[in-house]
Amino acid sequence: MKLIASLAFILCSFHVLAEGRIIAFRNTKSIAAELDPHPKFQVGRRVIFLSRKDGKVVAFGRIKKVNQELIPYTAQIDIEEIVDNSLVDYDDEIFPLSYNLLRFKKIPGFTSLTLGGSDKIPSQYKELAYLGVFTAEGHTLDKNEVLASPFQIQYGISNNFGIKHVNALLLDGYLNLGAKLRVVRNKYSKISANTLVAYKTDRQDWIWQTGLILTLPRNGKYQNHIAASFTIDPQFDEAKATKDLNLFQSSDIRNITEYITDSWNRVLFGMLYEVELQSFGGTVSYMWIWDTFHVSLGLATRDFTQLNFDRNGYYYVYDFFWRF
């Protein structure tokens, strides 16, 4: 019997995707399942439920208990989210969440399925490290990951901490260095804090910017980003490069909604409040994401009452960067 179990474990370990199925309902939020004897089926692992009828995603869950003494394994899985009021039924398929699953099963984009960690995962399956909306910061990069654009460079020292450099400030003679720290990340919220200090040696002038981003998931396709950015001692009249680029000129508070399309691209839209100007603005943009390359294009304003089409009223916003 032990020999048969060992052979089953070895064979399942070479499967591209480990599988399971629902065999009973304990209550409305918990099910009993049979699982392949695969190392990915461990306590705490996130799983996806696919309909046995049409293969569509019906729910997301997390393994609470696993009995590995029998083949197949038996497990208790808590259902954390049901997609679009779908019906979760007997014999629906269960898969551990992984990049291979998303790719092979062509799983559409959901906020609950974003991945992280040091594994090499294409960027479209990750949470955003940079929103590209009014140069809004996102959350931390993964360890040894790089985000690079003509505007900035970011580097992940660990999964929870990273550093950044703003090239646009250097063009104006400011030596600068920033940091980003993940404070909270769970199924209820994500919080990251960021700061940046810049110093111009020939004028002994400095800029300090600090802020945070709070992300609150709304449902499978939407999540809200509440971001605050505070700038101290911006040099409006003398800092030509930062003024021309409309960067580091004021403090602001943003409420940006992110929608993940079925192809894992992003739609970003929301409101902005300019603290110094005491004005309300907003933006809407679309971000295309490939394995490493991102392109964002949209429309924005820092003051809804300015109806002209220029940098003081409504204007195009665009950005592009690599994440690898």
C-alpha atoms as a PDB file:
ATOM      1  CA  MET A   1       0.000   0.000   0.000  1.00  0.00           C
ATOM      2  CA  LYS A   2       2.838   2.415   0.867  1.00  0.00           C
ATOM      3  CA  LEU A   3       4.471   1.610  -2.493  1.00  0.00           C
ATOM      4  CA  ILE A   4       1.263   2.456  -4.375  1.00  0.00           C
ATOM      5  CA  ALA A   5       0.858   5.697  -2.453  1.00  0.00           C
ATOM      6  CA  SER A   6       4.463   6.693  -3.146  1.00  0.00           C
ATOM      7  CA  LEU A   7       4.073   5.991  -6.869  1.00  0.00           C
ATOM      8  CA  ALA A   8       0.865   8.017  -6.971  1.00  0.00           C
ATOM      9  CA  PHE A   9       2.589  10.933  -5.261  1.00  0.00           C
ATOM     10  CA  ILE A  10       5.531  10.855  -7.689  1.00  0.00           C
ATOM     11  CA  LEU A  11       3.288  10.696 -10.756  1.00  0.00           C
ATOM     12  CA  CYS A  12       1.076  13.542  -9.560  1.00  0.00           C
ATOM     13  CA  SER A  13       4.161  15.641  -8.818  1.00  0.00           C
ATOM     14  CA  PHE A  14       4.951  15.596 -12.548  1.00  0.00           C
ATOM     15  CA  HIS A  15       1.463  16.720 -13.578  1.00  0.00           C
ATOM     16  CA  VAL A  16       1.308  20.196 -15.017  1.00  0.00           C
ATOM     17  CA  LEU A  17      -1.776  20.936 -12.906  1.00  0.00           C
ATOM     18  CA  ALA A  18      -2.875  19.280  -9.677  1.00  0.00           C
ATOM     19  CA  GLU A  19      -6.618  18.693  -9.433  1.00  0.00           C
ATOM     20  CA  GLY A  20      -9.346  18.041  -6.926  1.00  0.00           C
ATOM     21  CA  ARG A  21     -13.127  17.935  -6.752  1.00  0.00           C
ATOM     22  CA  ILE A  22     -15.923  18.843  -4.371  1.00  0.00           C
ATOM     23  CA  ILE A  23     -17.457  15.810  -2.654  1.00  0.00           C
ATOM     24  CA  ALA A  24     -19.609  17.449   0.064  1.00  0.00           C
ATOM     25  CA  PHE A  25     -20.754  20.761   1.512  1.00  0.00           C
ATOM     26  CA  ARG A  26     -20.099  21.350   5.204  1.00  0.00           C
ATOM     27  CA  ASN A  27     -21.990  24.659   5.137  1.00  0.00           C
ATOM     28  CA  THR A  28     -22.422  27.642   2.783  1.00  0.00           C
ATOM     29  CA  LYS A  29     -18.763  28.711   3.258  1.00  0.00           C
ATOM     30  CA  SER A  30     -16.939  25.390   3.573  1.00  0.00           C
ATOM     31  CA  ILE A  31     -16.663  22.245   1.449  1.00  0.00           C
ATOM     32  CA  ALA A  32     -15.089  18.795   1.663  1.00  0.00           C
ATOM     33  CA  ALA A  33     -12.870  17.780  -1.252  1.00  0.00           C
ATOM     34  CA  GLU A  34     -10.782  14.989  -2.711  1.00  0.00           C
ATOM     35  CA  LEU A  35      -7.376  16.144  -3.949  1.00  0.00           C
ATOM     36  CA  ASP A  36      -4.499  14.743  -5.959  1.00  0.00           C
ATOM     37  CA  PRO A  37      -1.525  13.761  -3.741  1.00  0.00           C
ATOM     38  CA  HIS A  38       0.422  16.836  -4.840  1.00  0.00           C
ATOM     39  CA  PRO A  39       2.786  19.058  -2.785  1.00  0.00           C
ATOM     40  CA  LYS A  40       0.875  22.190  -3.847  1.00  0.00           C
ATOM     41  CA  PHE A  41      -2.158  21.079  -1.853  1.00  0.00           C
ATOM     42  CA  GLN A  42      -1.035  22.405   1.528  1.00  0.00           C
ATOM     43  CA  VAL A  43      -2.837  24.162   4.378  1.00  0.00           C
ATOM     44  CA  GLY A  44      -3.219  27.882   3.616  1.00  0.00           C
ATOM     45  CA  ARG A  45      -2.912  27.468  -0.161  1.00  0.00           C
ATOM     46  CA  ARG A  46      -5.320  29.515  -2.296  1.00  0.00           C
ATOM     47  CA  VAL A  47      -7.431  27.495  -4.740  1.00  0.00           C
ATOM     48  CA  ILE A  48      -9.779  28.151  -7.649  1.00  0.00           C
ATOM     49  CA  PHE A  49     -13.079  26.365  -8.259  1.00  0.00           C
ATOM     50  CA  LEU A  50     -13.978  25.714 -11.904  1.00  0.00           C
ATOM     51  CA  SER A  51     -17.438  24.576 -12.997  1.00  0.00           C
ATOM     52  CA  ARG A  52     -17.553  20.920 -14.077  1.00  0.00           C
ATOM     53  CA  LYS A  53     -20.072  21.937 -16.744  1.00  0.00           C
ATOM     54  CA  ASP A  54     -18.366  24.738 -18.644  1.00  0.00           C
ATOM     55  CA  GLY A  55     -14.947  25.209 -16.957  1.00  0.00           C
ATOM     56  CA  LYS A  56     -15.676  28.784 -15.873  1.00  0.00           C
ATOM     57  CA  VAL A  57     -14.392  30.240 -12.604  1.00  0.00           C
ATOM     58  CA  VAL A  58     -17.128  30.023  -9.960  1.00  0.00           C
ATOM     59  CA  ALA A  59     -15.289  30.709  -6.677  1.00  0.00           C
ATOM     60  CA  PHE A  60     -11.993  31.205  -4.845  1.00  0.00           C
ATOM     61  CA  GLY A  61     -11.027  29.569  -1.572  1.00  0.00           C
ATOM     62  CA  ARG A  62      -8.278  28.549   0.804  1.00  0.00           C
ATOM     63  CA  ILE A  63      -7.324  25.114   2.149  1.00  0.00           C
ATOM     64  CA  LYS A  64      -7.991  24.882   5.896  1.00  0.00           C
ATOM     65  CA  LYS A  65      -7.234  21.215   6.591  1.00  0.00           C
ATOM     66  CA  VAL A  66      -5.623  18.361   4.609  1.00  0.00           C
ATOM     67  CA  ASN A  67      -5.521  14.662   5.431  1.00  0.00           C
ATOM     68  CA  GLN A  68      -2.557  13.161   3.575  1.00  0.00           C
ATOM     69  CA  GLU A  69      -2.839   9.674   5.013  1.00  0.00           C
ATOM     70  CA  LEU A  70      -5.150   8.478   2.218  1.00  0.00           C
ATOM     71  CA  ILE A  71      -4.946   8.582  -1.572  1.00  0.00           C
ATOM     72  CA  PRO A  72      -6.578  10.770  -2.807  1.00  0.00           C
ATOM     73  CA  TYR A  73      -6.095  13.394  -0.096  1.00  0.00           C
ATOM     74  CA  THR A  74      -9.186  14.662   1.682  1.00  0.00           C
ATOM     75  CA  ALA A  75      -9.460  18.317   2.646  1.00  0.00           C
ATOM     76  CA  GLN A  76     -11.615  21.029   4.125  1.00  0.00           C
ATOM     77  CA  ILE A  77     -11.624  24.200   2.005  1.00  0.00           C
ATOM     78  CA  ASP A  78     -13.163  27.513   2.998  1.00  0.00           C
ATOM     79  CA  ILE A  79     -14.875  29.481   0.212  1.00  0.00           C
ATOM     80  CA  GLU A  80     -13.675  33.100   0.373  1.00  0.00           C
ATOM     81  CA  GLU A  81     -15.378  34.580  -2.691  1.00  0.00           C
ATOM     82  CA  ILE A  82     -18.089  33.503  -5.139  1.00  0.00           C
ATOM     83  CA  VAL A  83     -17.839  34.996  -8.635  1.00  0.00           C
ATOM     84  CA  ASP A  84     -20.948  36.761 -10.008  1.00  0.00           C
ATOM     85  CA  ASN A  85     -23.330  34.757  -7.790  1.00  0.00           C
ATOM     86  CA  SER A  86     -22.214  31.547  -9.526  1.00  0.00           C
ATOM     87  CA  LEU A  87     -23.447  28.171  -8.332  1.00  0.00           C
ATOM     88  CA  VAL A  88     -20.781  26.058  -6.629  1.00  0.00           C
ATOM     89  CA  ASP A  89     -21.781  22.414  -7.149  1.00  0.00           C
ATOM     90  CA  TYR A  90     -20.711  18.829  -6.481  1.00  0.00           C
ATOM     91  CA  ASP A  91     -17.786  17.588  -8.614  1.00  0.00           C
ATOM     92  CA  ASP A  92     -16.670  21.124  -9.516  1.00  0.00           C
ATOM     93  CA  GLU A  93     -12.932  21.079 -10.157  1.00  0.00           C
ATOM     94  CA  ILE A  94     -10.407  22.475  -7.673  1.00  0.00           C
ATOM     95  CA  PHE A  95      -6.940  23.749  -8.634  1.00  0.00           C
ATOM     96  CA  PRO A  96      -4.186  25.355  -6.515  1.00  0.00           C
ATOM     97  CA  LEU A  97      -3.611  28.946  -7.629  1.00  0.00           C
ATOM     98  CA  SER A  98      -0.462  29.257  -9.731  1.00  0.00           C
ATOM     99  CA  TYR A  99       0.844  30.987 -12.832  1.00  0.00           C
ATOM    100  CA  ASN A 100       0.694  27.689 -14.765  1.00  0.00           C
ATOM    101  CA  LEU A 101      -3.007  27.368 -13.961  1.00  0.00           C
ATOM    102  CA  LEU A 102      -3.792  30.918 -15.089  1.00  0.00           C
ATOM    103  CA  ARG A 103      -1.904  30.368 -18.339  1.00  0.00           C
ATOM    104  CA  PHE A 104      -3.027  26.839 -19.272  1.00  0.00           C
ATOM    105  CA  LYS A 105      -6.671  27.306 -18.291  1.00  0.00           C
ATOM    106  CA  LYS A 106      -6.770  30.873 -19.672  1.00  0.00           C
ATOM    107  CA  ILE A 107      -8.308  32.149 -16.445  1.00  0.00           C
ATOM    108  CA  PRO A 108      -9.724  35.695 -16.883  1.00  0.00           C
ATOM    109  CA  GLY A 109      -8.424  38.519 -14.722  1.00  0.00           C
ATOM    110  CA  PHE A 110      -9.643  38.890 -11.128  1.00  0.00           C
ATOM    111  CA  THR A 111      -8.235  41.036  -8.317  1.00  0.00           C
ATOM    112  CA  SER A 112      -8.314  38.006  -5.988  1.00  0.00           C
ATOM    113  CA  LEU A 113      -5.950  36.070  -8.277  1.00  0.00           C
ATOM    114  CA  THR A 114      -3.007  38.477  -8.486  1.00  0.00           C
ATOM    115  CA  LEU A 115       0.249  36.712  -7.682  1.00  0.00           C
ATOM    116  CA  GLY A 116       3.432  37.754  -5.925  1.00  0.00           C
ATOM    117  CA  GLY A 117       6.709  36.420  -4.610  1.00  0.00           C
ATOM    118  CA  SER A 118      10.171  35.913  -6.039  1.00  0.00           C
ATOM    119  CA  ASP A 119       9.079  33.535  -8.816  1.00  0.00           C
ATOM    120  CA  LYS A 120       9.351  34.826 -12.374  1.00  0.00           C
ATOM    121  CA  ILE A 121       5.710  35.638 -13.116  1.00  0.00           C
ATOM    122  CA  PRO A 122       4.550  37.866 -16.029  1.00  0.00           C
ATOM    123  CA  SER A 123       3.587  41.345 -14.861  1.00  0.00           C
ATOM    124  CA  GLN A 124      -0.060  41.155 -15.910  1.00  0.00           C
ATOM    125  CA  TYR A 125      -0.705  38.600 -13.158  1.00  0.00           C
ATOM    126  CA  LYS A 126       0.707  40.861 -10.418  1.00  0.00           C
ATOM    127  CA  GLU A 127      -0.681  43.760  -8.422  1.00  0.00           C
ATOM    128  CA  LEU A 128       0.393  47.135  -9.802  1.00  0.00           C
ATOM    129  CA  ALA A 129       3.617  48.626  -8.441  1.00  0.00           C
ATOM    130  CA  TYR A 130       2.965  51.879 -10.331  1.00  0.00           C
ATOM    131  CA  LEU A 131      -0.465  53.159 -11.380  1.00  0.00           C
ATOM    132  CA  GLY A 132       0.767  55.559 -14.044  1.00  0.00           C
ATOM    133  CA  VAL A 133      -1.984  57.999 -12.930  1.00  0.00           C
ATOM    134  CA  PHE A 134      -0.565  61.394 -11.874  1.00  0.00           C
ATOM    135  CA  THR A 135       2.661  59.412 -11.222  1.00  0.00           C
ATOM    136  CA  ALA A 136       0.804  57.534  -8.478  1.00  0.00           C
ATOM    137  CA  GLU A 137       2.758  54.899  -6.565  1.00  0.00           C
ATOM    138  CA  GLY A 138       1.451  51.370  -6.282  1.00  0.00           C
ATOM    139  CA  HIS A 139       2.622  48.604  -3.973  1.00  0.00           C
ATOM    140  CA  THR A 140       6.078  47.086  -3.532  1.00  0.00           C
ATOM    141  CA  LEU A 141       7.933  45.107  -6.161  1.00  0.00           C
ATOM    142  CA  ASP A 142       8.966  41.517  -5.504  1.00  0.00           C
ATOM    143  CA  LYS A 143      12.498  40.692  -4.381  1.00  0.00           C
ATOM    144  CA  ASN A 144      15.141  41.485  -7.066  1.00  0.00           C
ATOM    145  CA  GLU A 145      12.459  42.862  -9.385  1.00  0.00           C
ATOM    146  CA  VAL A 146      13.068  46.049 -11.412  1.00  0.00           C
ATOM    147  CA  LEU A 147      10.665  48.704 -12.714  1.00  0.00           C
ATOM    148  CA  ALA A 148      12.313  50.986 -15.273  1.00  0.00           C
ATOM    149  CA  SER A 149      11.115  53.903 -17.385  1.00  0.00           C
ATOM    150  CA  PRO A 150      12.536  57.218 -18.656  1.00  0.00           C
ATOM    151  CA  PHE A 151      10.924  58.815 -15.588  1.00  0.00           C
ATOM    152  CA  GLN A 152      12.086  56.510 -12.790  1.00  0.00           C
ATOM    153  CA  ILE A 153      13.811  53.298 -11.673  1.00  0.00           C
ATOM    154  CA  GLN A 154      12.579  51.074  -8.827  1.00  0.00           C
ATOM    155  CA  TYR A 155      14.204  47.981  -7.310  1.00  0.00           C
ATOM    156  CA  GLY A 156      12.780  45.407  -4.893  1.00  0.00           C
ATOM    157  CA  ILE A 157      15.275  44.626  -2.136  1.00  0.00           C
ATOM    158  CA  SER A 158      12.772  42.194  -0.611  1.00  0.00           C
ATOM    159  CA  ASN A 159       9.107  41.344  -1.187  1.00  0.00           C
ATOM    160  CA  ASN A 160       8.213  44.014   1.373  1.00  0.00           C
ATOM    161  CA  PHE A 161      10.783  46.764   0.774  1.00  0.00           C
ATOM    162  CA  GLY A 162      12.183  48.565  -2.237  1.00  0.00           C
ATOM    163  CA  ILE A 163      14.015  51.700  -3.345  1.00  0.00           C
ATOM    164  CA  LYS A 164      13.507  54.140  -6.216  1.00  0.00           C
ATOM    165  CA  HIS A 165      15.239  56.930  -8.123  1.00  0.00           C
ATOM    166  CA  VAL A 166      13.426  59.653 -10.118  1.00  0.00           C
ATOM    167  CA  ASN A 167      15.336  60.442 -13.308  1.00  0.00           C
ATOM    168  CA  ALA A 168      13.275  63.589 -13.967  1.00  0.00           C
ATOM    169  CA  LEU A 169      14.543  65.169 -10.746  1.00  0.00           C
ATOM    170  CA  LEU A 170      18.138  64.338 -11.668  1.00  0.00           C
ATOM    171  CA  LEU A 171      17.666  66.272 -14.923  1.00  0.00           C
ATOM    172  CA  ASP A 172      17.042  69.346 -12.784  1.00  0.00           C
ATOM    173  CA  GLY A 173      20.143  68.700 -10.683  1.00  0.00           C
ATOM    174  CA  TYR A 174      18.508  66.966  -7.721  1.00  0.00           C
ATOM    175  CA  LEU A 175      20.220  63.909  -6.278  1.00  0.00           C
ATOM    176  CA  ASN A 176      17.392  61.745  -4.980  1.00  0.00           C
ATOM    177  CA  LEU A 177      16.507  58.441  -3.396  1.00  0.00           C
ATOM    178  CA  GLY A 178      13.163  56.996  -2.369  1.00  0.00           C
ATOM    179  CA  ALA A 179      11.873  53.957  -0.494  1.00  0.00           C
ATOM    180  CA  LYS A 180       8.688  51.918  -0.436  1.00  0.00           C
ATOM    181  CA  LEU A 181       7.529  49.627   2.389  1.00  0.00           C
ATOM    182  CA  ARG A 182       4.677  47.137   2.450  1.00  0.00           C
ATOM    183  CA  VAL A 183       2.833  47.553   5.750  1.00  0.00           C
ATOM    184  CA  VAL A 184      -0.200  45.274   5.333  1.00  0.00           C
ATOM    185  CA  ARG A 185      -1.213  42.686   2.752  1.00  0.00           C
ATOM    186  CA  ASN A 186      -4.173  40.367   3.354  1.00  0.00           C
ATOM    187  CA  LYS A 187      -7.490  39.540   1.708  1.00  0.00           C
ATOM    188  CA  TYR A 188      -9.131  42.594   3.295  1.00  0.00           C
ATOM    189  CA  SER A 189      -6.646  45.348   2.450  1.00  0.00           C
ATOM    190  CA  LYS A 190      -3.164  46.240   1.228  1.00  0.00           C
ATOM    191  CA  ILE A 191      -1.172  49.196   2.567  1.00  0.00           C
ATOM    192  CA  SER A 192       2.203  50.453   1.349  1.00  0.00           C
ATOM    193  CA  ALA A 193       4.082  53.574   2.493  1.00  0.00           C
ATOM    194  CA  ASN A 194       6.537  55.516   0.346  1.00  0.00           C
ATOM    195  CA  THR A 195       8.913  58.442   0.691  1.00  0.00           C
ATOM    196  CA  LEU A 196      11.434  60.294  -1.457  1.00  0.00           C
ATOM    197  CA  VAL A 197      14.121  62.859  -0.590  1.00  0.00           C
ATOM    198  CA  ALA A 198      15.859  65.039  -3.192  1.00  0.00           C
ATOM    199  CA  TYR A 199      18.689  67.519  -2.669  1.00  0.00           C
ATOM    200  CA  LYS A 200      20.227  70.080  -5.036  1.00  0.00           C
ATOM    201  CA  THR A 201      23.792  70.714  -3.924  1.00  0.00           C
ATOM    202  CA  ASP A 202      24.486  73.943  -5.845  1.00  0.00           C
ATOM    203  CA  ARG A 203      21.530  75.740  -4.194  1.00  0.00           C
ATOM    204  CA  GLN A 204      21.249  73.714  -0.984  1.00  0.00           C
ATOM    205  CA  ASP A 205      17.619  73.144  -1.946  1.00  0.00           C
ATOM    206  CA  TRP A 206      15.635  70.040  -1.031  1.00  0.00           C
ATOM    207  CA  ILE A 207      12.316  68.318  -1.757  1.00  0.00           C
ATOM    208  CA  TRP A 208      10.678  65.753   0.489  1.00  0.00           C
ATOM    209  CA  GLN A 209       7.677  63.739  -0.627  1.00  0.00           C
ATOM    210  CA  THR A 210       5.941  61.108   1.459  1.00  0.00           C
ATOM    211  CA  GLY A 211       2.693  59.186   1.143  1.00  0.00           C
ATOM    212  CA  LEU A 212       0.860  55.898   1.276  1.00  0.00           C
ATOM    213  CA  ILE A 213      -1.562  53.793  -0.723  1.00  0.00           C
ATOM    214  CA  LEU A 214      -4.465  51.816   0.720  1.00  0.00           C
ATOM    215  CA  THR A 215      -6.090  49.212  -1.534  1.00  0.00           C
ATOM    216  CA  LEU A 216      -9.545  47.835  -0.724  1.00  0.00           C
ATOM    217  CA  PRO A 217     -10.916  45.003  -2.906  1.00  0.00           C
ATOM    218  CA  ARG A 218     -14.573  45.504  -3.884  1.00  0.00           C
ATOM    219  CA  ASN A 219     -15.329  42.308  -5.805  1.00  0.00           C
ATOM    220  CA  GLY A 220     -13.659  39.955  -8.254  1.00  0.00           C
ATOM    221  CA  LYS A 221     -12.990  42.588 -10.935  1.00  0.00           C
ATOM    222  CA  TYR A 222     -12.710  45.907  -9.060  1.00  0.00           C
ATOM    223  CA  GLN A 223     -10.605  47.356  -6.268  1.00  0.00           C
ATOM    224  CA  ASN A 224     -10.175  50.881  -4.877  1.00  0.00           C
ATOM    225  CA  HIS A 225      -6.827  52.619  -4.322  1.00  0.00           C
ATOM    226  CA  ILE A 226      -6.832  55.519  -1.858  1.00  0.00           C
ATOM    227  CA  ALA A 227      -3.493  57.297  -2.213  1.00  0.00           C
ATOM    228  CA  ALA A 228      -2.179  60.353  -0.394  1.00  0.00           C
ATOM    229  CA  SER A 229       1.004  62.181  -1.402  1.00  0.00           C
ATOM    230  CA  PHE A 230       2.435  65.137   0.515  1.00  0.00           C
ATOM    231  CA  THR A 231       5.220  67.337  -0.847  1.00  0.00           C
ATOM    232  CA  ILE A 232       7.223  69.688   1.390  1.00  0.00           C
ATOM    233  CA  ASP A 233       9.054  72.780   0.072  1.00  0.00           C
ATOM    234  CA  PRO A 234       8.554  72.454  -3.694  1.00  0.00           C
ATOM    235  CA  GLN A 235      10.399  75.199  -5.611  1.00  0.00           C
ATOM    236  CA  PHE A 236       7.717  76.387  -8.035  1.00  0.00           C
ATOM    237  CA  ASP A 237       9.631  79.270  -9.627  1.00  0.00           C
ATOM    238  CA  GLU A 238      13.184  77.960  -9.826  1.00  0.00           C
ATOM    239  CA  ALA A 239      12.842  74.204 -10.460  1.00  0.00           C
ATOM    240  CA  LYS A 240      12.294  74.338 -14.199  1.00  0.00           C
ATOM    241  CA  ALA A 241      12.360  70.620 -15.020  1.00  0.00           C
ATOM    242  CA  THR A 242       9.945  69.584 -12.283  1.00  0.00           C
ATOM    243  CA  LYS A 243       7.628  72.482 -13.115  1.00  0.00           C
ATOM    244  CA  ASP A 244       7.576  71.676 -16.845  1.00  0.00           C
ATOM    245  CA  LEU A 245       6.799  68.047 -16.068  1.00  0.00           C
ATOM    246  CA  ASN A 246       4.180  69.070 -13.491  1.00  0.00           C
ATOM    247  CA  LEU A 247       5.878  66.910 -10.843  1.00  0.00           C
ATOM    248  CA  PHE A 248       6.359  67.492  -7.106  1.00  0.00           C
ATOM    249  CA  GLN A 249       4.435  70.757  -7.298  1.00  0.00           C
ATOM    250  CA  SER A 250       1.775  70.090  -4.625  1.00  0.00           C
ATOM    251  CA  SER A 251       0.227  67.583  -2.258  1.00  0.00           C
ATOM    252  CA  ASP A 252      -2.811  65.581  -3.308  1.00  0.00           C
ATOM    253  CA  ILE A 253      -5.239  62.833  -2.336  1.00  0.00           C
ATOM    254  CA  ARG A 254      -6.512  60.350  -4.928  1.00  0.00           C
ATOM    255  CA  ASN A 255      -9.278  57.763  -5.049  1.00  0.00           C
ATOM    256  CA  ILE A 256      -8.536  55.508  -8.024  1.00  0.00           C
ATOM    257  CA  THR A 257     -10.682  52.528  -9.031  1.00  0.00           C
ATOM    258  CA  GLU A 258      -8.910  49.677 -10.820  1.00  0.00           C
ATOM    259  CA  TYR A 259     -10.782  47.285 -13.097  1.00  0.00           C
ATOM    260  CA  ILE A 260      -9.052  44.117 -14.322  1.00  0.00           C
ATOM    261  CA  THR A 261     -10.165  43.012 -17.781  1.00  0.00           C
ATOM    262  CA  ASP A 262     -10.490  39.371 -18.793  1.00  0.00           C
ATOM    263  CA  SER A 263      -7.131  39.728 -20.602  1.00  0.00           C
ATOM    264  CA  TRP A 264      -5.491  41.081 -17.383  1.00  0.00           C
ATOM    265  CA  ASN A 265      -5.125  44.629 -18.697  1.00  0.00           C
ATOM    266  CA  ARG A 266      -6.269  47.485 -16.406  1.00  0.00           C
ATOM    267  CA  VAL A 267      -8.770  50.332 -16.559  1.00  0.00           C
ATOM    268  CA  LEU A 268      -8.014  53.081 -13.999  1.00  0.00           C
ATOM    269  CA  PHE A 269     -10.356  55.951 -13.180  1.00  0.00           C
ATOM    270  CA  GLY A 270     -11.114  58.207 -10.255  1.00  0.00           C
ATOM    271  CA  MET A 271     -10.931  61.543  -8.424  1.00  0.00           C
ATOM    272  CA  LEU A 272      -8.051  63.754  -7.307  1.00  0.00           C
ATOM    273  CA  TYR A 273      -7.990  66.555  -4.726  1.00  0.00           C
ATOM    274  CA  GLU A 274      -5.178  69.126  -5.002  1.00  0.00           C
ATOM    275  CA  VAL A 275      -4.403  70.369  -1.479  1.00  0.00           C
ATOM    276  CA  GLU A 276      -2.618  73.624  -2.342  1.00  0.00           C
ATOM    277  CA  LEU A 277      -4.931  74.539  -5.224  1.00  0.00           C
ATOM    278  CA  GLN A 278      -8.021  73.315  -3.328  1.00  0.00           C
ATOM    279  CA  SER A 279      -9.377  71.897  -6.560  1.00  0.00           C
ATOM    280  CA  PHE A 280     -10.937  68.613  -7.669  1.00  0.00           C
ATOM    281  CA  GLY A 281      -9.741  66.749 -10.715  1.00  0.00           C
ATOM    282  CA  GLY A 282      -9.806  63.242 -12.102  1.00  0.00           C
ATOM    283  CA  THR A 283      -8.523  60.779 -14.655  1.00  0.00           C
ATOM    284  CA  VAL A 284      -9.431  57.781 -16.754  1.00  0.00           C
ATOM    285  CA  SER A 285      -6.830  55.605 -18.460  1.00  0.00           C
ATOM    286  CA  TYR A 286      -6.274  52.184 -19.978  1.00  0.00           C
ATOM    287  CA  MET A 287      -3.112  50.177 -19.266  1.00  0.00           C
ATOM    288  CA  TRP A 288      -1.970  47.428 -21.597  1.00  0.00           C
ATOM    289  CA  ILE A 289       0.309  44.893 -19.880  1.00  0.00           C
ATOM    290  CA  TRP A 290       2.473  42.266 -21.555  1.00  0.00           C
ATOM    291  CA  ASP A 291       5.014  39.964 -19.873  1.00  0.00           C
ATOM    292  CA  THR A 292       7.235  42.898 -18.846  1.00  0.00           C
ATOM    293  CA  PHE A 293       6.130  45.960 -20.842  1.00  0.00           C
ATOM    294  CA  HIS A 294       3.343  48.383 -19.797  1.00  0.00           C
ATOM    295  CA  VAL A 295       1.701  51.186 -21.811  1.00  0.00           C
ATOM    296  CA  SER A 296      -0.863  53.568 -20.313  1.00  0.00           C
ATOM    297  CA  LEU A 297      -2.996  56.102 -22.213  1.00  0.00           C
ATOM    298  CA  GLY A 298      -5.791  58.307 -20.916  1.00  0.00           C
ATOM    299  CA  LEU A 299      -7.301  61.702 -20.140  1.00  0.00           C
ATOM    300  CA  ALA A 300      -6.846  63.774 -16.965  1.00  0.00           C
ATOM    301  CA  THR A 301      -7.480  67.124 -15.305  1.00  0.00           C
ATOM    302  CA  ARG A 302      -6.405  68.675 -12.016  1.00  0.00           C
ATOM    303  CA  ASP A 303      -9.384  71.009 -11.970  1.00  0.00           C
ATOM    304  CA  PHE A 304     -12.799  70.025 -13.375  1.00  0.00           C
ATOM    305  CA  THR A 305     -13.805  73.693 -13.690  1.00  0.00           C
ATOM    306  CA  GLN A 306     -11.011  74.504 -16.175  1.00  0.00           C
ATOM    307  CA  LEU A 307     -12.693  73.587 -19.455  1.00  0.00           C
ATOM    308  CA  ASN A 308      -9.787  74.399 -21.763  1.00  0.00           C
ATOM    309  CA  PHE A 309      -7.680  71.643 -23.303  1.00  0.00           C
ATOM    310  CA  ASP A 310      -4.141  72.283 -21.995  1.00  0.00           C
ATOM    311  CA  ARG A 311      -1.913  71.546 -18.965  1.00  0.00           C
ATOM    312  CA  ASN A 312      -4.097  73.756 -16.759  1.00  0.00           C
ATOM    313  CA  GLY A 313      -7.315  72.090 -17.903  1.00  0.00           C
ATOM    314  CA  TYR A 314      -7.828  68.724 -19.585  1.00  0.00           C
ATOM    315  CA  TYR A 315      -4.893  66.888 -21.145  1.00  0.00           C
ATOM    316  CA  TYR A 316      -3.712  63.496 -22.366  1.00  0.00           C
ATOM    317  CA  VAL A 317      -1.777  61.267 -19.972  1.00  0.00           C
ATOM    318  CA  TYR A 318       0.525  58.523 -21.190  1.00  0.00           C
ATOM    319  CA  ASP A 319       3.269  56.409 -19.717  1.00  0.00           C
ATOM    320  CA  PHE A 320       5.321  53.322 -20.489  1.00  0.00           C
ATOM    321  CA  PHE A 321       7.652  51.215 -18.379  1.00  0.00           C
ATOM    322  CA  TRP A 322       9.174  47.777 -17.989  1.00  0.00           C
ATOM    323  CA  ARG A 323       8.857  45.463 -14.995  1.00  0.00           C
ATOM    324  CA  PHE A 324      11.150  42.454 -14.873  1.00  0.00           C
END
